[in-house]
Protein backbone atom coordinates (compact mmCIF):
# COMPACT_ATOMS: atom_id res chain seq x y z
CA UNK A 1 -24.32 -26.65 12.96
CA UNK A 2 -22.40 -26.03 9.72
CA UNK A 3 -21.72 -22.37 8.92
CA UNK A 4 -20.25 -21.17 5.64
CA UNK A 5 -18.46 -17.86 6.13
CA UNK A 6 -18.25 -15.97 2.84
CA UNK A 7 -16.57 -12.77 1.71
CA UNK A 8 -14.89 -11.22 -1.29
CA UNK A 9 -11.23 -10.85 -0.24
CA UNK A 10 -9.88 -12.25 3.04
CA UNK A 11 -6.58 -10.82 4.25
CA UNK A 12 -5.29 -12.00 7.63
CA UNK A 13 -3.75 -9.92 8.98
CA UNK A 14 -5.42 -7.45 9.28
CA UNK A 15 -9.06 -8.62 8.88
CA UNK A 16 -9.27 -10.92 11.90
CA UNK A 17 -12.89 -9.92 12.49
CA UNK A 18 -14.00 -12.20 9.65
CA UNK A 19 -12.64 -15.33 11.38
CA UNK A 20 -12.44 -14.54 15.11
CA UNK A 21 -15.96 -15.70 15.92
CA UNK A 22 -15.45 -18.97 14.06
CA UNK A 23 -12.23 -19.70 15.91
CA UNK A 24 -13.94 -19.13 19.25
CA UNK A 25 -17.03 -21.22 18.34
CA UNK A 26 -15.21 -24.00 16.47
CA UNK A 27 -15.60 -26.47 19.33
CA UNK A 28 -19.40 -26.33 18.97
CA UNK A 29 -19.97 -25.70 15.27
CA UNK A 30 -18.27 -26.49 11.97
CA UNK A 31 -17.03 -23.46 10.08
CA UNK A 32 -15.42 -23.11 6.68
CA UNK A 33 -14.46 -19.84 4.98
CA UNK A 34 -15.06 -19.19 1.28
CA UNK A 35 -13.57 -16.17 -0.52
CA UNK A 36 -12.92 -15.05 -4.05
CA UNK A 37 -9.34 -14.48 -2.93
CA UNK A 38 -7.65 -15.22 0.40
CA UNK A 39 -4.22 -14.43 1.77
CA UNK A 40 -3.92 -15.84 5.30
CA UNK A 41 -0.52 -15.43 6.93
CA UNK A 42 -1.27 -16.34 10.52
CA UNK A 43 -0.86 -19.96 11.59
CA UNK A 44 -3.44 -19.40 14.36
CA UNK A 45 -6.20 -19.39 11.72
CA UNK A 46 -7.12 -23.06 11.85
CA UNK A 47 -10.53 -23.10 10.15
CA UNK A 48 -10.46 -24.29 6.51
CA UNK A 49 -10.17 -21.38 4.07
CA UNK A 50 -11.04 -21.84 0.38
CA UNK A 51 -10.37 -19.30 -2.34
CA UNK A 52 -11.13 -19.54 -6.02
CA UNK A 53 -9.27 -16.85 -7.97
CA UNK A 54 -6.99 -18.24 -10.66
CA UNK A 55 -3.25 -17.66 -10.59
CA UNK A 56 -2.46 -19.41 -7.33
CA UNK A 57 1.22 -18.78 -6.60
CA UNK A 58 1.17 -15.33 -8.18
CA UNK A 59 1.56 -12.22 -6.02
CA UNK A 60 -1.71 -11.19 -4.39
CA UNK A 61 -2.09 -7.99 -6.42
CA UNK A 62 -1.80 -9.94 -9.67
CA UNK A 63 -4.33 -12.53 -8.50
CA UNK A 64 -6.79 -9.74 -7.74
CA UNK A 65 -7.35 -9.40 -11.49
CA UNK A 66 -8.83 -12.90 -11.58
CA UNK A 67 -11.00 -12.60 -8.45
CA UNK A 68 -14.11 -11.15 -10.17
CA UNK A 69 -14.27 -14.22 -12.42
CA UNK A 70 -14.19 -16.73 -9.55
CA UNK A 71 -17.82 -16.35 -8.45
CA UNK A 72 -19.26 -19.52 -10.04
CA UNK A 73 -16.51 -21.72 -8.57
CA UNK A 74 -17.00 -20.14 -5.15
CA UNK A 75 -20.76 -20.73 -5.35
CA UNK A 76 -20.20 -24.41 -6.12
CA UNK A 77 -17.78 -24.70 -3.17
CA UNK A 78 -20.35 -23.22 -0.79
CA UNK A 79 -23.03 -25.56 -2.10
CA UNK A 80 -20.82 -28.65 -1.67
CA UNK A 81 -20.21 -27.72 1.97
CA UNK A 82 -23.92 -28.07 2.72
CA UNK A 83 -24.19 -25.25 5.26
CA UNK A 84 -27.04 -24.75 7.69
CA UNK A 85 -26.35 -21.00 7.58
CA UNK A 86 -24.42 -18.87 5.10
CA UNK A 87 -22.83 -15.83 6.77
CA UNK A 88 -21.62 -13.19 4.31
CA UNK A 89 -19.25 -10.42 5.41
CA UNK A 90 -19.77 -7.25 3.31
CA UNK A 91 -22.72 -6.95 0.96
CA UNK A 92 -20.49 -6.21 -2.03
CA UNK A 93 -19.35 -9.10 -4.25
CA UNK A 94 -22.10 -11.17 -2.65
CA UNK A 95 -23.32 -13.06 -5.72
CA UNK A 96 -21.85 -16.47 -4.80
CA UNK A 97 -23.44 -16.43 -1.32
CA UNK A 98 -26.81 -15.30 -2.70
CA UNK A 99 -26.81 -17.99 -5.39
CA UNK A 100 -25.81 -20.75 -2.95
CA UNK A 101 -28.48 -19.61 -0.48
CA UNK A 102 -31.18 -19.74 -3.15
CA UNK A 103 -30.00 -23.10 -4.52
CA UNK A 104 -30.15 -24.82 -1.14
CA UNK A 105 -32.85 -22.77 0.56
CA UNK A 106 -30.22 -21.89 3.17
CA UNK A 107 -30.70 -18.94 5.55
CA UNK A 108 -28.46 -16.04 4.61
CA UNK A 109 -27.01 -13.75 7.29
CA UNK A 110 -25.14 -10.65 6.14
CA UNK A 111 -22.87 -8.42 8.22
CA UNK A 112 -22.50 -4.86 6.96
CA UNK A 113 -19.17 -3.17 7.62
CA UNK A 114 -19.52 0.32 6.16
CA UNK A 115 -18.45 0.66 2.55
CA UNK A 116 -21.28 -1.60 1.47
CA UNK A 117 -23.80 0.89 2.90
CA UNK A 118 -21.95 3.97 1.73
CA UNK A 119 -21.99 2.80 -1.89
CA UNK A 120 -25.78 3.05 -1.87
CA UNK A 121 -25.77 6.54 -0.41
CA UNK A 122 -23.65 8.04 -3.18
CA UNK A 123 -24.64 7.71 -6.81
CA UNK A 124 -22.01 7.86 -9.52
CA UNK A 125 -18.50 6.52 -9.29
CA UNK A 126 -18.51 4.74 -12.62
CA UNK A 127 -19.29 1.16 -13.66
CA UNK A 128 -17.62 -0.47 -10.64
CA UNK A 129 -19.73 1.44 -8.13
CA UNK A 130 -22.83 0.67 -10.18
CA UNK A 131 -21.86 -3.03 -9.97
CA UNK A 132 -21.43 -2.73 -6.20
CA UNK A 133 -24.83 -1.08 -5.85
CA UNK A 134 -26.49 -3.95 -7.76
CA UNK A 135 -24.73 -6.45 -5.49
CA UNK A 136 -25.79 -4.67 -2.32
CA UNK A 137 -29.40 -4.33 -3.46
CA UNK A 138 -29.47 -8.05 -4.32
CA UNK A 139 -28.05 -8.93 -0.91
CA UNK A 140 -30.51 -6.58 0.77
CA UNK A 141 -33.38 -8.47 -0.84
CA UNK A 142 -31.97 -11.97 -0.33
CA UNK A 143 -30.74 -11.77 3.28
CA UNK A 144 -32.80 -13.49 5.94
CA UNK A 145 -31.24 -11.18 8.52
CA UNK A 146 -28.76 -8.30 8.35
CA UNK A 147 -26.29 -7.27 11.06
CA UNK A 148 -24.59 -3.89 11.35
CA UNK A 149 -21.37 -3.43 13.31
CA UNK A 150 -22.65 -0.29 15.09
CA UNK A 151 -25.84 1.62 15.78
CA UNK A 152 -24.47 4.38 13.58
CA UNK A 153 -24.12 1.98 10.65
CA UNK A 154 -27.56 0.49 11.26
CA UNK A 155 -29.11 3.95 11.05
CA UNK A 156 -27.17 4.65 7.85
CA UNK A 157 -28.40 1.36 6.38
CA UNK A 158 -32.03 2.13 7.21
CA UNK A 159 -31.62 5.56 5.60
CA UNK A 160 -30.67 3.94 2.27
CA UNK A 161 -33.51 1.44 2.31
CA UNK A 162 -32.60 -1.55 4.49
CA UNK A 163 -35.58 -3.09 6.25
CA UNK A 164 -35.35 -2.23 9.96
CA UNK A 165 -37.37 -5.35 10.81
CA UNK A 166 -34.55 -7.55 9.47
CA UNK A 167 -31.65 -5.41 10.72
CA UNK A 168 -29.92 -5.70 14.10
CA UNK A 169 -26.77 -4.26 15.65
CA UNK A 170 -24.00 -6.76 16.33
CA UNK A 171 -20.80 -5.34 17.78
CA UNK A 172 -17.88 -7.39 16.50
CA UNK A 173 -16.07 -7.56 19.82
CA UNK A 174 -12.36 -8.17 20.42
CA UNK A 175 -10.48 -10.96 22.16
CA UNK A 176 -9.96 -9.76 25.72
CA UNK A 177 -7.91 -12.89 26.46
CA UNK A 178 -5.39 -11.83 23.80
CA UNK A 179 -5.50 -8.07 24.26
CA UNK A 180 -4.59 -7.69 27.94
CA UNK A 181 -2.59 -5.15 29.96
CA UNK A 182 1.17 -5.58 30.05
CA UNK A 183 2.86 -7.00 33.09
CA UNK A 184 5.21 -4.10 33.84
CA UNK A 185 5.21 -0.33 33.64
CA UNK A 186 6.66 1.05 30.37
CA UNK A 187 10.05 2.73 30.60
CA UNK A 188 11.27 5.86 28.84
CA UNK A 189 9.26 8.87 27.71
CA UNK A 190 5.49 8.40 27.31
CA UNK A 191 4.38 6.71 24.09
CA UNK A 192 1.43 7.87 22.01
CA UNK A 193 0.37 5.41 19.33
CA UNK A 194 -1.71 5.26 16.19
CA UNK A 195 -2.77 1.96 14.59
CA UNK A 196 -4.59 1.98 11.28
CA UNK A 197 -4.36 2.64 7.57
CA UNK A 198 -2.16 5.62 6.77
CA UNK A 199 -4.78 7.42 4.71
CA UNK A 200 -6.88 10.57 4.76
CA UNK A 201 -9.87 9.04 6.55
CA UNK A 202 -7.88 7.65 9.49
CA UNK A 203 -6.31 11.05 10.07
CA UNK A 204 -2.66 10.36 11.00
CA UNK A 205 -1.63 13.81 9.73
CA UNK A 206 -3.83 15.40 12.41
CA UNK A 207 -2.17 13.35 15.13
CA UNK A 208 1.30 14.31 13.88
CA UNK A 209 0.26 17.97 13.95
CA UNK A 210 -1.01 17.61 17.52
CA UNK A 211 2.18 15.84 18.58
CA UNK A 212 4.39 18.54 17.07
CA UNK A 213 2.31 21.20 18.83
CA UNK A 214 2.83 19.73 22.31
CA UNK A 215 6.23 18.03 22.17
CA UNK A 216 7.96 21.19 23.37
CA UNK A 217 5.86 21.15 26.56
CA UNK A 218 5.44 17.41 27.07
CA UNK A 219 8.22 15.07 26.10
CA UNK A 220 6.81 11.96 24.39
CA UNK A 221 7.25 9.51 21.55
CA UNK A 222 4.76 9.05 18.70
CA UNK A 223 4.55 5.66 16.96
CA UNK A 224 2.49 5.15 13.80
CA UNK A 225 1.62 1.59 12.80
CA UNK A 226 0.05 0.82 9.45
CA UNK A 227 0.57 1.30 5.75
CA UNK A 228 -1.15 3.30 3.07
CA UNK A 229 -0.86 6.24 0.68
CA UNK A 230 0.44 8.67 3.33
CA UNK A 231 3.27 6.41 4.49
CA UNK A 232 6.05 8.06 2.46
CA UNK A 233 4.96 11.54 3.57
CA UNK A 234 4.83 10.49 7.21
CA UNK A 235 8.21 8.78 7.04
CA UNK A 236 9.69 12.01 5.66
CA UNK A 237 8.21 13.93 8.60
CA UNK A 238 9.58 11.35 11.03
CA UNK A 239 13.04 11.82 9.55
CA UNK A 240 12.89 15.50 10.59
CA UNK A 241 11.43 14.83 14.05
CA UNK A 242 13.23 12.14 16.05
CA UNK A 243 10.38 11.57 18.50
CA UNK A 244 8.20 10.18 15.65
CA UNK A 245 8.59 6.67 14.26
CA UNK A 246 6.65 4.99 11.45
CA UNK A 247 6.70 1.20 11.68
CA UNK A 248 4.52 0.41 8.68
CA UNK A 249 2.63 -2.87 8.70
CA UNK A 250 3.63 -5.14 11.58
CA UNK A 251 2.55 -8.50 13.06
CA UNK A 252 -0.37 -8.61 15.46
CA UNK A 253 2.00 -9.27 18.37
CA UNK A 254 3.78 -5.97 17.70
CA UNK A 255 0.46 -4.13 17.67
CA UNK A 256 -0.41 -5.61 21.05
CA UNK A 257 2.99 -4.77 22.50
CA UNK A 258 2.65 -1.17 21.32
CA UNK A 259 -0.86 -0.81 22.74
CA UNK A 260 0.33 -2.15 26.10
CA UNK A 261 3.24 0.28 26.15
CA UNK A 262 1.20 3.33 25.13
CA UNK A 263 0.07 6.11 27.41
CA UNK A 264 -2.81 6.59 24.96
CA UNK A 265 -3.85 5.38 21.52
CA UNK A 266 -5.25 8.06 19.22
CA UNK A 267 -7.60 7.54 16.26
CA UNK A 268 -8.43 10.83 14.50
CA UNK A 269 -10.69 9.11 11.96
CA UNK A 270 -12.93 11.52 10.05
CA UNK A 271 -15.26 11.94 7.09
CA UNK A 272 -13.61 11.35 3.73
CA UNK A 273 -15.23 10.91 0.32
CA UNK A 274 -18.65 10.73 1.95
CA UNK A 275 -17.78 7.98 4.41
CA UNK A 276 -17.05 7.71 8.13
CA UNK A 277 -15.67 5.02 10.41
CA UNK A 278 -18.38 2.41 11.06
CA UNK A 279 -16.84 1.22 14.33
CA UNK A 280 -13.09 1.37 15.05
CA UNK A 281 -12.10 -1.96 16.61
CA UNK A 282 -8.56 -0.80 17.36
CA UNK A 283 -10.05 1.49 20.01
CA UNK A 284 -11.38 -1.61 21.76
CA UNK A 285 -8.05 -3.42 21.40
CA UNK A 286 -6.25 -0.52 23.06
CA UNK A 287 -8.74 -0.25 25.92
CA UNK A 288 -8.59 -4.01 26.52
CA UNK A 289 -4.85 -3.50 27.05
CA UNK A 290 -5.67 -0.94 29.74
CA UNK A 291 -4.80 1.99 27.48
CA UNK A 292 -7.16 4.98 27.35
CA UNK A 293 -8.00 6.36 23.93
CA UNK A 294 -8.57 9.67 22.17
CA UNK A 295 -10.66 9.83 19.01
CA UNK A 296 -12.64 12.16 16.82
CA UNK A 297 -16.39 11.88 17.35
CA UNK A 298 -17.04 10.47 13.89
CA UNK A 299 -19.37 7.73 12.67
CA UNK A 300 -19.64 4.81 15.08
CA UNK A 301 -16.56 5.75 17.09
CA UNK A 302 -18.58 7.06 20.06
CA UNK A 303 -19.93 3.50 20.56
CA UNK A 304 -16.39 2.18 21.07
CA UNK A 305 -15.52 4.12 24.25
CA UNK A 306 -17.10 5.92 27.20
CA UNK A 307 -16.30 9.61 26.80
CA UNK A 308 -14.60 11.02 29.87
CA UNK A 309 -14.37 7.59 31.51
CA UNK A 310 -12.23 5.40 29.22
CA UNK A 311 -10.88 8.16 27.01
CA UNK A 312 -11.91 11.34 25.26
CA UNK A 313 -13.99 12.18 22.19
CA UNK A 314 -12.92 15.27 20.25
CA UNK A 315 -15.06 17.19 17.75
CA UNK A 316 -14.48 15.75 14.30
CA UNK A 317 -11.55 17.24 12.36
CA UNK A 318 -10.66 19.67 15.18
CA UNK A 319 -6.86 19.58 15.30
CA UNK A 320 -6.96 22.15 18.10
CA UNK A 321 -9.28 19.91 20.09
CA UNK A 322 -7.06 16.91 19.41
CA UNK A 323 -4.00 18.86 20.51
CA UNK A 324 -5.71 19.84 23.77
CA UNK A 325 -6.79 16.24 24.43
CA UNK A 326 -3.28 14.89 23.83
CA UNK A 327 -1.78 17.55 26.09
CA UNK A 328 -4.32 16.82 28.82
CA UNK A 329 -3.56 13.10 28.66
CA UNK A 330 0.18 13.75 28.90
CA UNK A 331 -0.42 16.02 31.90
CA UNK A 332 -2.31 13.40 33.94
CA UNK A 333 -0.72 11.93 37.03
CA UNK A 334 0.09 8.22 37.10
CA UNK A 335 -2.89 7.41 39.39
CA UNK A 336 -5.25 9.34 37.09
CA UNK A 337 -3.99 7.47 34.04
CA UNK A 338 -4.32 4.16 35.91
CA UNK A 339 -7.96 4.93 36.73
CA UNK A 340 -8.71 5.54 33.05
CA UNK A 341 -6.93 2.32 32.09
CA UNK A 342 -8.88 0.17 34.55
CA UNK A 343 -12.16 1.68 33.37
CA UNK A 344 -11.16 1.16 29.74
CA UNK A 345 -10.55 -2.56 30.12
CA UNK A 346 -13.66 -3.01 32.27
CA UNK A 347 -15.81 -1.41 29.54
CA UNK A 348 -14.49 -3.72 26.82
CA UNK A 349 -14.74 -6.88 28.93
CA UNK A 350 -18.31 -6.10 29.99
CA UNK A 351 -19.73 -4.67 26.76
CA UNK A 352 -17.49 -5.24 23.70
CA UNK A 353 -15.71 -8.55 24.23
CA UNK A 354 -15.42 -11.30 21.64
CA UNK A 355 -17.01 -13.70 24.15
CA UNK A 356 -20.16 -11.59 24.34
CA UNK A 357 -20.18 -11.05 20.58
CA UNK A 358 -19.86 -14.81 19.97
CA UNK A 359 -22.78 -15.58 22.28
CA UNK A 360 -24.94 -13.09 20.40
CA UNK A 361 -23.85 -14.41 17.00
CA UNK A 362 -24.52 -18.02 18.02
CA UNK A 363 -28.03 -16.97 18.99
CA UNK A 364 -28.54 -15.45 15.54
CA UNK A 365 -27.41 -18.71 13.89
CA UNK A 366 -29.74 -20.76 16.08
CA UNK A 367 -32.71 -18.52 15.36
CA UNK A 368 -32.09 -18.58 11.61
CA UNK A 369 -31.91 -22.37 11.48
CA UNK A 370 -35.17 -22.51 13.41
CA UNK A 371 -37.03 -20.21 11.01
């Protein structure tokens, strides 16, 4: 089977979810990726990746200007590939996939990731948001089947008009062969980690506040991984508090090493500008490493852990609740923490692994070709 994966902008790292299934299924099916603009900096990505924005060789941010004009060339590239299924990630900037699907009569599968649903729920936002809404409505009409990355997102999609008869939940899954527990017990004071964009929605400020509130009672280190608009502010805070470090963007191997070393990984993601976290894959990555998690109960986050068994859910935006959860985790005995860690990995392997997700996705492809 030949599958054309399509998206607007492909950045690897961090957006491994767009290619992970293809890498795992490449021995049985032929995949190629088509994007308006791609920047792939991981040699492990071995499937062919085509991008069509002009200005090749220019810095990525300068090439972004040309990406909106690359649709016709991308459509022609998809058509030349002769796919049995076209699989679009994100319903925004979906014109090339829609046109290629119509031209060849090819089944079109679309995975919704969050923003593409949110843009329909909130009118306004100027010409660009109006353009996105037109794209999403066109994809909604053209898709043979639509997948949502969580039950929460599926319900949100139905609320803005997606057909529930053509919509199914497909958890993205993470690679439990890559994200595994470390081989030895971490040394030094306990490490609390955060991995994600350093922005308002991901909530790193709340975690810093919780850490500062408990560090006098429970010695620990706090490591923030990621980049974004709050990075300078958080680095300034870290300069005044030696137990905090801000690493910025790092390779995937460093993320894994940090998750393995951590006592807990905390994701205080919360509502911002009308949107919530659709899933939160980093929670699964941490648990696969045997690390329990703490998170705000926001959006699809509750589907990414078992509250009280693999970690703890905290009421959304409750810094006091987050502080209590962090303190409680730091107060656990080693055997108690080990029990949480074993349960965390078991949950991901059984219910949220890439292997399971690939089997489900392959079934979708097979069913679409047979329609």
